[in-house]
């Protein structure tokens, strides 16, 4: 969960501060669906 927490902060920073159209995250496959579920809840008002 600490890694998911850090990941959420970094993604939000890029989405809010950066002049970006979207964000790509690379990760190993085995727990990818845990990470994507975590980001789906941790990132509110996703834009």
ModelCIF file with pLDDT and N, C-alpha, C, O atoms, coordinates in Angstrom:
data_MODEL
#
_entry.id   MODEL 
#
_entity.id                         1 
_entity.type                       polymer 
_entity.pdbx_number_of_molecules   1 
#
_entity_poly.entity_id                      1 
_entity_poly.type                           'polypeptide(L)' 
_entity_poly.nstd_linkage                   no 
_entity_poly.nstd_monomer                   no 
_entity_poly.pdbx_seq_one_letter_code       
;(UNK)(UNK)(UNK)(UNK)(UNK)(UNK)(UNK)(UNK)(UNK)(UNK)(UNK)(UNK)(UNK)(UNK)(UNK)(UNK)
(UNK)(UNK)(UNK)(UNK)(UNK)(UNK)(UNK)(UNK)(UNK)(UNK)(UNK)(UNK)(UNK)(UNK)(UNK)(UNK)
(UNK)(UNK)(UNK)(UNK)(UNK)(UNK)(UNK)(UNK)(UNK)(UNK)(UNK)(UNK)(UNK)(UNK)(UNK)
;
_entity_poly.pdbx_seq_one_letter_code_can   XXXXXXXXXXXXXXXXXXXXXXXXXXXXXXXXXXXXXXXXXXXXXXX 
_entity_poly.pdbx_strand_id                 A 
#
loop_
_entity_poly_seq.entity_id 
_entity_poly_seq.num 
_entity_poly_seq.mon_id 
_entity_poly_seq.hetero 
1 1  UNK n 
1 2  UNK n 
1 3  UNK n 
1 4  UNK n 
1 5  UNK n 
1 6  UNK n 
1 7  UNK n 
1 8  UNK n 
1 9  UNK n 
1 10 UNK n 
1 11 UNK n 
1 12 UNK n 
1 13 UNK n 
1 14 UNK n 
1 15 UNK n 
1 16 UNK n 
1 17 UNK n 
1 18 UNK n 
1 19 UNK n 
1 20 UNK n 
1 21 UNK n 
1 22 UNK n 
1 23 UNK n 
1 24 UNK n 
1 25 UNK n 
1 26 UNK n 
1 27 UNK n 
1 28 UNK n 
1 29 UNK n 
1 30 UNK n 
1 31 UNK n 
1 32 UNK n 
1 33 UNK n 
1 34 UNK n 
1 35 UNK n 
1 36 UNK n 
1 37 UNK n 
1 38 UNK n 
1 39 UNK n 
1 40 UNK n 
1 41 UNK n 
1 42 UNK n 
1 43 UNK n 
1 44 UNK n 
1 45 UNK n 
1 46 UNK n 
1 47 UNK n 
#
_struct_asym.id          A 
_struct_asym.entity_id   1 
#
loop_
_ma_qa_metric.id 
_ma_qa_metric.mode 
_ma_qa_metric.name 
_ma_qa_metric.software_group_id 
_ma_qa_metric.type 
1 global pLDDT . pLDDT 
2 local  pLDDT . pLDDT 
#
_ma_qa_metric_global.metric_id      1 
_ma_qa_metric_global.metric_value   96.77 
_ma_qa_metric_global.model_id       1 
_ma_qa_metric_global.ordinal_id     1 
#
loop_
_ma_qa_metric_local.label_asym_id 
_ma_qa_metric_local.label_comp_id 
_ma_qa_metric_local.label_seq_id 
_ma_qa_metric_local.metric_id 
_ma_qa_metric_local.metric_value 
_ma_qa_metric_local.model_id 
_ma_qa_metric_local.ordinal_id 
A UNK 1  2 97.00 1 1  
A UNK 2  2 97.00 1 2  
A UNK 3  2 97.00 1 3  
A UNK 4  2 98.00 1 4  
A UNK 5  2 98.00 1 5  
A UNK 6  2 98.00 1 6  
A UNK 7  2 98.00 1 7  
A UNK 8  2 98.00 1 8  
A UNK 9  2 98.00 1 9  
A UNK 10 2 98.00 1 10 
A UNK 11 2 98.00 1 11 
A UNK 12 2 98.00 1 12 
A UNK 13 2 97.00 1 13 
A UNK 14 2 97.00 1 14 
A UNK 15 2 97.00 1 15 
A UNK 16 2 96.00 1 16 
A UNK 17 2 91.00 1 17 
A UNK 18 2 76.00 1 18 
A UNK 19 2 91.00 1 19 
A UNK 20 2 96.00 1 20 
A UNK 21 2 97.00 1 21 
A UNK 22 2 98.00 1 22 
A UNK 23 2 98.00 1 23 
A UNK 24 2 98.00 1 24 
A UNK 25 2 98.00 1 25 
A UNK 26 2 97.00 1 26 
A UNK 27 2 96.00 1 27 
A UNK 28 2 95.00 1 28 
A UNK 29 2 96.00 1 29 
A UNK 30 2 97.00 1 30 
A UNK 31 2 97.00 1 31 
A UNK 32 2 98.00 1 32 
A UNK 33 2 98.00 1 33 
A UNK 34 2 98.00 1 34 
A UNK 35 2 98.00 1 35 
A UNK 36 2 98.00 1 36 
A UNK 37 2 98.00 1 37 
A UNK 38 2 98.00 1 38 
A UNK 39 2 98.00 1 39 
A UNK 40 2 98.00 1 40 
A UNK 41 2 98.00 1 41 
A UNK 42 2 98.00 1 42 
A UNK 43 2 98.00 1 43 
A UNK 44 2 98.00 1 44 
A UNK 45 2 98.00 1 45 
A UNK 46 2 98.00 1 46 
A UNK 47 2 97.00 1 47 
#
loop_
_atom_site.group_PDB 
_atom_site.id 
_atom_site.type_symbol 
_atom_site.label_atom_id 
_atom_site.label_alt_id 
_atom_site.label_comp_id 
_atom_site.label_asym_id 
_atom_site.label_entity_id 
_atom_site.label_seq_id 
_atom_site.pdbx_PDB_ins_code 
_atom_site.Cartn_x 
_atom_site.Cartn_y 
_atom_site.Cartn_z 
_atom_site.occupancy 
_atom_site.B_iso_or_equiv 
_atom_site.pdbx_formal_charge 
_atom_site.auth_seq_id 
_atom_site.auth_comp_id 
_atom_site.auth_asym_id 
_atom_site.auth_atom_id 
_atom_site.pdbx_PDB_model_num 
ATOM 1   N N  . UNK A 1 1  ? 0.809   -1.237 0.000   1.00 97.00 ? 1  UNK A N  1 
ATOM 2   C CA . UNK A 1 1  ? 0.000   0.000  0.000   1.00 97.00 ? 1  UNK A CA 1 
ATOM 3   C C  . UNK A 1 1  ? 0.838   1.282  0.000   1.00 97.00 ? 1  UNK A C  1 
ATOM 4   O O  . UNK A 1 1  ? 0.413   2.299  -0.547  1.00 97.00 ? 1  UNK A O  1 
ATOM 5   N N  . UNK A 1 2  ? 2.029   1.236  0.613   1.00 97.00 ? 2  UNK A N  1 
ATOM 6   C CA . UNK A 1 2  ? 2.895   2.429  0.591   1.00 97.00 ? 2  UNK A CA 1 
ATOM 7   C C  . UNK A 1 2  ? 3.296   2.791  -0.841  1.00 97.00 ? 2  UNK A C  1 
ATOM 8   O O  . UNK A 1 2  ? 3.366   3.965  -1.205  1.00 97.00 ? 2  UNK A O  1 
ATOM 9   N N  . UNK A 1 3  ? 3.555   1.760  -1.639  1.00 97.00 ? 3  UNK A N  1 
ATOM 10  C CA . UNK A 1 3  ? 3.927   1.999  -3.038  1.00 97.00 ? 3  UNK A CA 1 
ATOM 11  C C  . UNK A 1 3  ? 2.751   2.583  -3.816  1.00 97.00 ? 3  UNK A C  1 
ATOM 12  O O  . UNK A 1 3  ? 2.926   3.490  -4.630  1.00 97.00 ? 3  UNK A O  1 
ATOM 13  N N  . UNK A 1 4  ? 1.545   2.056  -3.560  1.00 98.00 ? 4  UNK A N  1 
ATOM 14  C CA . UNK A 1 4  ? 0.353   2.594  -4.244  1.00 98.00 ? 4  UNK A CA 1 
ATOM 15  C C  . UNK A 1 4  ? 0.140   4.056  -3.862  1.00 98.00 ? 4  UNK A C  1 
ATOM 16  O O  . UNK A 1 4  ? -0.211  4.887  -4.699  1.00 98.00 ? 4  UNK A O  1 
ATOM 17  N N  . UNK A 1 5  ? 0.359   4.351  -2.588  1.00 98.00 ? 5  UNK A N  1 
ATOM 18  C CA . UNK A 1 5  ? 0.163   5.713  -2.088  1.00 98.00 ? 5  UNK A CA 1 
ATOM 19  C C  . UNK A 1 5  ? 1.102   6.701  -2.796  1.00 98.00 ? 5  UNK A C  1 
ATOM 20  O O  . UNK A 1 5  ? 0.692   7.777  -3.232  1.00 98.00 ? 5  UNK A O  1 
ATOM 21  N N  . UNK A 1 6  ? 2.363   6.299  -2.893  1.00 98.00 ? 6  UNK A N  1 
ATOM 22  C CA . UNK A 1 6  ? 3.371   7.134  -3.559  1.00 98.00 ? 6  UNK A CA 1 
ATOM 23  C C  . UNK A 1 6  ? 3.030   7.304  -5.042  1.00 98.00 ? 6  UNK A C  1 
ATOM 24  O O  . UNK A 1 6  ? 3.136   8.395  -5.602  1.00 98.00 ? 6  UNK A O  1 
ATOM 25  N N  . UNK A 1 7  ? 2.622   6.201  -5.655  1.00 98.00 ? 7  UNK A N  1 
ATOM 26  C CA . UNK A 1 7  ? 2.260   6.204  -7.073  1.00 98.00 ? 7  UNK A CA 1 
ATOM 27  C C  . UNK A 1 7  ? 1.115   7.198  -7.332  1.00 98.00 ? 7  UNK A C  1 
ATOM 28  O O  . UNK A 1 7  ? 1.148   7.956  -8.301  1.00 98.00 ? 7  UNK A O  1 
ATOM 29  N N  . UNK A 1 8  ? 0.110   7.182  -6.457  1.00 98.00 ? 8  UNK A N  1 
ATOM 30  C CA . UNK A 1 8  ? -1.048  8.072  -6.620  1.00 98.00 ? 8  UNK A CA 1 
ATOM 31  C C  . UNK A 1 8  ? -0.612  9.541  -6.561  1.00 98.00 ? 8  UNK A C  1 
ATOM 32  O O  . UNK A 1 8  ? -1.070  10.365 -7.353  1.00 98.00 ? 8  UNK A O  1 
ATOM 33  N N  . UNK A 1 9  ? 0.273   9.853  -5.618  1.00 98.00 ? 9  UNK A N  1 
ATOM 34  C CA . UNK A 1 9  ? 0.753   11.239 -5.491  1.00 98.00 ? 9  UNK A CA 1 
ATOM 35  C C  . UNK A 1 9  ? 1.490   11.686 -6.745  1.00 98.00 ? 9  UNK A C  1 
ATOM 36  O O  . UNK A 1 9  ? 1.283   12.794 -7.239  1.00 98.00 ? 9  UNK A O  1 
ATOM 37  N N  . UNK A 1 10 ? 2.364   10.802 -7.257  1.00 98.00 ? 10 UNK A N  1 
ATOM 38  C CA . UNK A 1 10 ? 3.158   11.150 -8.443  1.00 98.00 ? 10 UNK A CA 1 
ATOM 39  C C  . UNK A 1 10 ? 2.265   11.349 -9.671  1.00 98.00 ? 10 UNK A C  1 
ATOM 40  O O  . UNK A 1 10 ? 2.455   12.289 -10.442 1.00 98.00 ? 10 UNK A O  1 
ATOM 41  N N  . UNK A 1 11 ? 1.291   10.455 -9.840  1.00 98.00 ? 11 UNK A N  1 
ATOM 42  C CA . UNK A 1 11 ? 0.385   10.565 -10.994 1.00 98.00 ? 11 UNK A CA 1 
ATOM 43  C C  . UNK A 1 11 ? -0.424  11.856 -10.902 1.00 98.00 ? 11 UNK A C  1 
ATOM 44  O O  . UNK A 1 11 ? -0.562  12.580 -11.888 1.00 98.00 ? 11 UNK A O  1 
ATOM 45  N N  . UNK A 1 12 ? -0.958  12.141 -9.715  1.00 98.00 ? 12 UNK A N  1 
ATOM 46  C CA . UNK A 1 12 ? -1.778  13.355 -9.531  1.00 98.00 ? 12 UNK A CA 1 
ATOM 47  C C  . UNK A 1 12 ? -0.949  14.605 -9.815  1.00 98.00 ? 12 UNK A C  1 
ATOM 48  O O  . UNK A 1 12 ? -1.439  15.560 -10.417 1.00 98.00 ? 12 UNK A O  1 
ATOM 49  N N  . UNK A 1 13 ? 0.304   14.590 -9.379  1.00 97.00 ? 13 UNK A N  1 
ATOM 50  C CA . UNK A 1 13 ? 1.184   15.750 -9.618  1.00 97.00 ? 13 UNK A CA 1 
ATOM 51  C C  . UNK A 1 13 ? 1.346   15.992 -11.118 1.00 97.00 ? 13 UNK A C  1 
ATOM 52  O O  . UNK A 1 13 ? 1.259   17.128 -11.583 1.00 97.00 ? 13 UNK A O  1 
ATOM 53  N N  . UNK A 1 14 ? 1.583   14.914 -11.872 1.00 97.00 ? 14 UNK A N  1 
ATOM 54  C CA . UNK A 1 14 ? 1.717   15.045 -13.331 1.00 97.00 ? 14 UNK A CA 1 
ATOM 55  C C  . UNK A 1 14 ? 0.422   15.563 -13.962 1.00 97.00 ? 14 UNK A C  1 
ATOM 56  O O  . UNK A 1 14 ? 0.448   16.431 -14.835 1.00 97.00 ? 14 UNK A O  1 
ATOM 57  N N  . UNK A 1 15 ? -0.706  15.018 -13.508 1.00 97.00 ? 15 UNK A N  1 
ATOM 58  C CA . UNK A 1 15 ? -1.995  15.414 -14.102 1.00 97.00 ? 15 UNK A CA 1 
ATOM 59  C C  . UNK A 1 15 ? -2.352  16.854 -13.763 1.00 97.00 ? 15 UNK A C  1 
ATOM 60  O O  . UNK A 1 15 ? -2.926  17.565 -14.589 1.00 97.00 ? 15 UNK A O  1 
ATOM 61  N N  . UNK A 1 16 ? -2.014  17.288 -12.550 1.00 96.00 ? 16 UNK A N  1 
ATOM 62  C CA . UNK A 1 16 ? -2.404  18.635 -12.106 1.00 96.00 ? 16 UNK A CA 1 
ATOM 63  C C  . UNK A 1 16 ? -1.395  19.715 -12.494 1.00 96.00 ? 16 UNK A C  1 
ATOM 64  O O  . UNK A 1 16 ? -1.780  20.837 -12.820 1.00 96.00 ? 16 UNK A O  1 
ATOM 65  N N  . UNK A 1 17 ? -0.104  19.377 -12.459 1.00 91.00 ? 17 UNK A N  1 
ATOM 66  C CA . UNK A 1 17 ? 0.926   20.399 -12.702 1.00 91.00 ? 17 UNK A CA 1 
ATOM 67  C C  . UNK A 1 17 ? 1.451   20.380 -14.124 1.00 91.00 ? 17 UNK A C  1 
ATOM 68  O O  . UNK A 1 17 ? 1.751   21.419 -14.711 1.00 91.00 ? 17 UNK A O  1 
ATOM 69  N N  . UNK A 1 18 ? 1.557   19.160 -14.670 1.00 76.00 ? 18 UNK A N  1 
ATOM 70  C CA . UNK A 1 18 ? 2.178   19.050 -15.988 1.00 76.00 ? 18 UNK A CA 1 
ATOM 71  C C  . UNK A 1 18 ? 1.207   19.401 -17.095 1.00 76.00 ? 18 UNK A C  1 
ATOM 72  O O  . UNK A 1 18 ? -0.007  19.275 -16.935 1.00 76.00 ? 18 UNK A O  1 
ATOM 73  N N  . UNK A 1 19 ? 1.750   19.842 -18.221 1.00 91.00 ? 19 UNK A N  1 
ATOM 74  C CA . UNK A 1 19 ? 0.915   20.122 -19.390 1.00 91.00 ? 19 UNK A CA 1 
ATOM 75  C C  . UNK A 1 19 ? 0.814   18.818 -20.183 1.00 91.00 ? 19 UNK A C  1 
ATOM 76  O O  . UNK A 1 19 ? 1.425   18.677 -21.242 1.00 91.00 ? 19 UNK A O  1 
ATOM 77  N N  . UNK A 1 20 ? 0.036   17.869 -19.659 1.00 96.00 ? 20 UNK A N  1 
ATOM 78  C CA . UNK A 1 20 ? -0.010  16.526 -20.242 1.00 96.00 ? 20 UNK A CA 1 
ATOM 79  C C  . UNK A 1 20 ? -1.428  16.149 -20.663 1.00 96.00 ? 20 UNK A C  1 
ATOM 80  O O  . UNK A 1 20 ? -2.409  16.661 -20.124 1.00 96.00 ? 20 UNK A O  1 
ATOM 81  N N  . UNK A 1 21 ? -1.513  15.246 -21.634 1.00 97.00 ? 21 UNK A N  1 
ATOM 82  C CA . UNK A 1 21 ? -2.812  14.735 -22.087 1.00 97.00 ? 21 UNK A CA 1 
ATOM 83  C C  . UNK A 1 21 ? -3.245  13.520 -21.273 1.00 97.00 ? 21 UNK A C  1 
ATOM 84  O O  . UNK A 1 21 ? -4.430  13.194 -21.202 1.00 97.00 ? 21 UNK A O  1 
ATOM 85  N N  . UNK A 1 22 ? -2.261  12.852 -20.659 1.00 98.00 ? 22 UNK A N  1 
ATOM 86  C CA . UNK A 1 22 ? -2.534  11.653 -19.880 1.00 98.00 ? 22 UNK A CA 1 
ATOM 87  C C  . UNK A 1 22 ? -1.230  11.143 -19.316 1.00 98.00 ? 22 UNK A C  1 
ATOM 88  O O  . UNK A 1 22 ? -0.174  11.723 -19.569 1.00 98.00 ? 22 UNK A O  1 
ATOM 89  N N  . UNK A 1 23 ? -1.287  10.065 -18.555 1.00 98.00 ? 23 UNK A N  1 
ATOM 90  C CA . UNK A 1 23 ? -0.084  9.527  -17.916 1.00 98.00 ? 23 UNK A CA 1 
ATOM 91  C C  . UNK A 1 23 ? 0.031   8.035  -18.234 1.00 98.00 ? 23 UNK A C  1 
ATOM 92  O O  . UNK A 1 23 ? -0.956  7.301  -18.187 1.00 98.00 ? 23 UNK A O  1 
ATOM 93  N N  . UNK A 1 24 ? 1.256   7.596  -18.561 1.00 98.00 ? 24 UNK A N  1 
ATOM 94  C CA . UNK A 1 24 ? 1.533   6.166  -18.752 1.00 98.00 ? 24 UNK A CA 1 
ATOM 95  C C  . UNK A 1 24 ? 2.335   5.685  -17.545 1.00 98.00 ? 24 UNK A C  1 
ATOM 96  O O  . UNK A 1 24 ? 3.310   6.322  -17.146 1.00 98.00 ? 24 UNK A O  1 
ATOM 97  N N  . UNK A 1 25 ? 1.919   4.560  -16.969 1.00 98.00 ? 25 UNK A N  1 
ATOM 98  C CA . UNK A 1 25 ? 2.637   3.964  -15.839 1.00 98.00 ? 25 UNK A CA 1 
ATOM 99  C C  . UNK A 1 25 ? 3.073   2.561  -16.258 1.00 98.00 ? 25 UNK A C  1 
ATOM 100 O O  . UNK A 1 25 ? 2.266   1.790  -16.778 1.00 98.00 ? 25 UNK A O  1 
ATOM 101 N N  . UNK A 1 26 ? 4.351   2.225  -16.035 1.00 97.00 ? 26 UNK A N  1 
ATOM 102 C CA . UNK A 1 26 ? 4.823   0.867  -16.348 1.00 97.00 ? 26 UNK A CA 1 
ATOM 103 C C  . UNK A 1 26 ? 5.075   0.121  -15.042 1.00 97.00 ? 26 UNK A C  1 
ATOM 104 O O  . UNK A 1 26 ? 5.603   0.677  -14.080 1.00 97.00 ? 26 UNK A O  1 
ATOM 105 N N  . UNK A 1 27 ? 4.685   -1.148 -15.034 1.00 96.00 ? 27 UNK A N  1 
ATOM 106 C CA . UNK A 1 27 ? 4.827   -1.959 -13.829 1.00 96.00 ? 27 UNK A CA 1 
ATOM 107 C C  . UNK A 1 27 ? 4.883   -3.427 -14.239 1.00 96.00 ? 27 UNK A C  1 
ATOM 108 O O  . UNK A 1 27 ? 4.518   -3.771 -15.363 1.00 96.00 ? 27 UNK A O  1 
ATOM 109 N N  . UNK A 1 28 ? 5.335   -4.289 -13.340 1.00 95.00 ? 28 UNK A N  1 
ATOM 110 C CA . UNK A 1 28 ? 5.275   -5.731 -13.593 1.00 95.00 ? 28 UNK A CA 1 
ATOM 111 C C  . UNK A 1 28 ? 3.825   -6.193 -13.640 1.00 95.00 ? 28 UNK A C  1 
ATOM 112 O O  . UNK A 1 28 ? 2.939   -5.552 -13.076 1.00 95.00 ? 28 UNK A O  1 
ATOM 113 N N  . UNK A 1 29 ? 3.594   -7.315 -14.322 1.00 96.00 ? 29 UNK A N  1 
ATOM 114 C CA . UNK A 1 29 ? 2.212   -7.743 -14.576 1.00 96.00 ? 29 UNK A CA 1 
ATOM 115 C C  . UNK A 1 29 ? 1.530   -8.421 -13.389 1.00 96.00 ? 29 UNK A C  1 
ATOM 116 O O  . UNK A 1 29 ? 0.307   -8.353 -13.264 1.00 96.00 ? 29 UNK A O  1 
ATOM 117 N N  . UNK A 1 30 ? 2.301   -9.075 -12.515 1.00 97.00 ? 30 UNK A N  1 
ATOM 118 C CA . UNK A 1 30 ? 1.670   -9.973 -11.543 1.00 97.00 ? 30 UNK A CA 1 
ATOM 119 C C  . UNK A 1 30 ? 0.645   -9.286 -10.641 1.00 97.00 ? 30 UNK A C  1 
ATOM 120 O O  . UNK A 1 30 ? -0.392  -9.871 -10.329 1.00 97.00 ? 30 UNK A O  1 
ATOM 121 N N  . UNK A 1 31 ? 0.923   -8.063 -10.223 1.00 97.00 ? 31 UNK A N  1 
ATOM 122 C CA . UNK A 1 31 ? -0.042  -7.363 -9.356  1.00 97.00 ? 31 UNK A CA 1 
ATOM 123 C C  . UNK A 1 31 ? -0.565  -6.091 -10.023 1.00 97.00 ? 31 UNK A C  1 
ATOM 124 O O  . UNK A 1 31 ? -1.016  -5.160 -9.355  1.00 97.00 ? 31 UNK A O  1 
ATOM 125 N N  . UNK A 1 32 ? -0.496  -6.075 -11.328 1.00 98.00 ? 32 UNK A N  1 
ATOM 126 C CA . UNK A 1 32 ? -0.940  -4.876 -12.054 1.00 98.00 ? 32 UNK A CA 1 
ATOM 127 C C  . UNK A 1 32 ? -2.394  -4.513 -11.723 1.00 98.00 ? 32 UNK A C  1 
ATOM 128 O O  . UNK A 1 32 ? -2.725  -3.338 -11.562 1.00 98.00 ? 32 UNK A O  1 
ATOM 129 N N  . UNK A 1 33 ? -3.256  -5.533 -11.623 1.00 98.00 ? 33 UNK A N  1 
ATOM 130 C CA . UNK A 1 33 ? -4.673  -5.232 -11.374 1.00 98.00 ? 33 UNK A CA 1 
ATOM 131 C C  . UNK A 1 33 ? -4.933  -4.752 -9.943  1.00 98.00 ? 33 UNK A C  1 
ATOM 132 O O  . UNK A 1 33 ? -5.964  -4.133 -9.680  1.00 98.00 ? 33 UNK A O  1 
ATOM 133 N N  . UNK A 1 34 ? -4.016  -5.029 -9.024  1.00 98.00 ? 34 UNK A N  1 
ATOM 134 C CA . UNK A 1 34 ? -4.127  -4.435 -7.683  1.00 98.00 ? 34 UNK A CA 1 
ATOM 135 C C  . UNK A 1 34 ? -3.798  -2.942 -7.760  1.00 98.00 ? 34 UNK A C  1 
ATOM 136 O O  . UNK A 1 34 ? -4.491  -2.111 -7.174  1.00 98.00 ? 34 UNK A O  1 
ATOM 137 N N  . UNK A 1 35 ? -2.728  -2.617 -8.493  1.00 98.00 ? 35 UNK A N  1 
ATOM 138 C CA . UNK A 1 35 ? -2.314  -1.214 -8.624  1.00 98.00 ? 35 UNK A CA 1 
ATOM 139 C C  . UNK A 1 35 ? -3.370  -0.382 -9.341  1.00 98.00 ? 35 UNK A C  1 
ATOM 140 O O  . UNK A 1 35 ? -3.661  0.746  -8.945  1.00 98.00 ? 35 UNK A O  1 
ATOM 141 N N  . UNK A 1 36 ? -3.943  -0.954 -10.407 1.00 98.00 ? 36 UNK A N  1 
ATOM 142 C CA . UNK A 1 36 ? -4.940  -0.167 -11.157 1.00 98.00 ? 36 UNK A CA 1 
ATOM 143 C C  . UNK A 1 36 ? -6.210  0.020  -10.339 1.00 98.00 ? 36 UNK A C  1 
ATOM 144 O O  . UNK A 1 36 ? -6.862  1.059  -10.434 1.00 98.00 ? 36 UNK A O  1 
ATOM 145 N N  . UNK A 1 37 ? -6.566  -0.986 -9.531  1.00 98.00 ? 37 UNK A N  1 
ATOM 146 C CA . UNK A 1 37 ? -7.725  -0.818 -8.647  1.00 98.00 ? 37 UNK A CA 1 
ATOM 147 C C  . UNK A 1 37 ? -7.425  0.267  -7.618  1.00 98.00 ? 37 UNK A C  1 
ATOM 148 O O  . UNK A 1 37 ? -8.262  1.128  -7.352  1.00 98.00 ? 37 UNK A O  1 
ATOM 149 N N  . UNK A 1 38 ? -6.220  0.219  -7.038  1.00 98.00 ? 38 UNK A N  1 
ATOM 150 C CA . UNK A 1 38 ? -5.849  1.224  -6.035  1.00 98.00 ? 38 UNK A CA 1 
ATOM 151 C C  . UNK A 1 38 ? -5.899  2.634  -6.628  1.00 98.00 ? 38 UNK A C  1 
ATOM 152 O O  . UNK A 1 38 ? -6.455  3.543  -6.010  1.00 98.00 ? 38 UNK A O  1 
ATOM 153 N N  . UNK A 1 39 ? -5.322  2.824  -7.822  1.00 98.00 ? 39 UNK A N  1 
ATOM 154 C CA . UNK A 1 39 ? -5.344  4.162  -8.429  1.00 98.00 ? 39 UNK A CA 1 
ATOM 155 C C  . UNK A 1 39 ? -6.775  4.599  -8.757  1.00 98.00 ? 39 UNK A C  1 
ATOM 156 O O  . UNK A 1 39 ? -7.096  5.786  -8.698  1.00 98.00 ? 39 UNK A O  1 
ATOM 157 N N  . UNK A 1 40 ? -7.627  3.635  -9.100  1.00 98.00 ? 40 UNK A N  1 
ATOM 158 C CA . UNK A 1 40 ? -9.021  3.969  -9.435  1.00 98.00 ? 40 UNK A CA 1 
ATOM 159 C C  . UNK A 1 40 ? -9.745  4.586  -8.244  1.00 98.00 ? 40 UNK A C  1 
ATOM 160 O O  . UNK A 1 40 ? -10.627 5.427  -8.413  1.00 98.00 ? 40 UNK A O  1 
ATOM 161 N N  . UNK A 1 41 ? -9.362  4.160  -7.023  1.00 98.00 ? 41 UNK A N  1 
ATOM 162 C CA . UNK A 1 41 ? -9.994  4.719  -5.818  1.00 98.00 ? 41 UNK A CA 1 
ATOM 163 C C  . UNK A 1 41 ? -9.205  5.895  -5.244  1.00 98.00 ? 41 UNK A C  1 
ATOM 164 O O  . UNK A 1 41 ? -9.793  6.871  -4.779  1.00 98.00 ? 41 UNK A O  1 
ATOM 165 N N  . UNK A 1 42 ? -7.868  5.802  -5.275  1.00 98.00 ? 42 UNK A N  1 
ATOM 166 C CA . UNK A 1 42 ? -7.043  6.851  -4.667  1.00 98.00 ? 42 UNK A CA 1 
ATOM 167 C C  . UNK A 1 42 ? -7.125  8.181  -5.420  1.00 98.00 ? 42 UNK A C  1 
ATOM 168 O O  . UNK A 1 42 ? -7.014  9.245  -4.810  1.00 98.00 ? 42 UNK A O  1 
ATOM 169 N N  . UNK A 1 43 ? -7.318  8.125  -6.744  1.00 98.00 ? 43 UNK A N  1 
ATOM 170 C CA . UNK A 1 43 ? -7.360  9.354  -7.561  1.00 98.00 ? 43 UNK A CA 1 
ATOM 171 C C  . UNK A 1 43 ? -8.817  9.762  -7.758  1.00 98.00 ? 43 UNK A C  1 
ATOM 172 O O  . UNK A 1 43 ? -9.520  9.208  -8.603  1.00 98.00 ? 43 UNK A O  1 
ATOM 173 N N  . UNK A 1 44 ? -9.251  10.720 -6.982  1.00 98.00 ? 44 UNK A N  1 
ATOM 174 C CA . UNK A 1 44 ? -10.640 11.198 -7.062  1.00 98.00 ? 44 UNK A CA 1 
ATOM 175 C C  . UNK A 1 44 ? -10.729 12.365 -8.056  1.00 98.00 ? 44 UNK A C  1 
ATOM 176 O O  . UNK A 1 44 ? -9.759  13.094 -8.261  1.00 98.00 ? 44 UNK A O  1 
ATOM 177 N N  . UNK A 1 45 ? -11.895 12.526 -8.661  1.00 98.00 ? 45 UNK A N  1 
ATOM 178 C CA . UNK A 1 45 ? -12.116 13.574 -9.677  1.00 98.00 ? 45 UNK A CA 1 
ATOM 179 C C  . UNK A 1 45 ? -11.080 13.459 -10.795 1.00 98.00 ? 45 UNK A C  1 
ATOM 180 O O  . UNK A 1 45 ? -10.512 14.461 -11.230 1.00 98.00 ? 45 UNK A O  1 
ATOM 181 N N  . UNK A 1 46 ? -10.846 12.259 -11.246 1.00 98.00 ? 46 UNK A N  1 
ATOM 182 C CA . UNK A 1 46 ? -9.836  12.050 -12.286 1.00 98.00 ? 46 UNK A CA 1 
ATOM 183 C C  . UNK A 1 46 ? -10.211 12.853 -13.532 1.00 98.00 ? 46 UNK A C  1 
ATOM 184 O O  . UNK A 1 46 ? -11.383 12.932 -13.901 1.00 98.00 ? 46 UNK A O  1 
ATOM 185 N N  . UNK A 1 47 ? -9.205  13.447 -14.175 1.00 97.00 ? 47 UNK A N  1 
ATOM 186 C CA . UNK A 1 47 ? -9.486  14.346 -15.301 1.00 97.00 ? 47 UNK A CA 1 
ATOM 187 C C  . UNK A 1 47 ? -8.961  13.849 -16.651 1.00 97.00 ? 47 UNK A C  1 
ATOM 188 O O  . UNK A 1 47 ? -9.138  14.520 -17.668 1.00 97.00 ? 47 UNK A O  1 
#
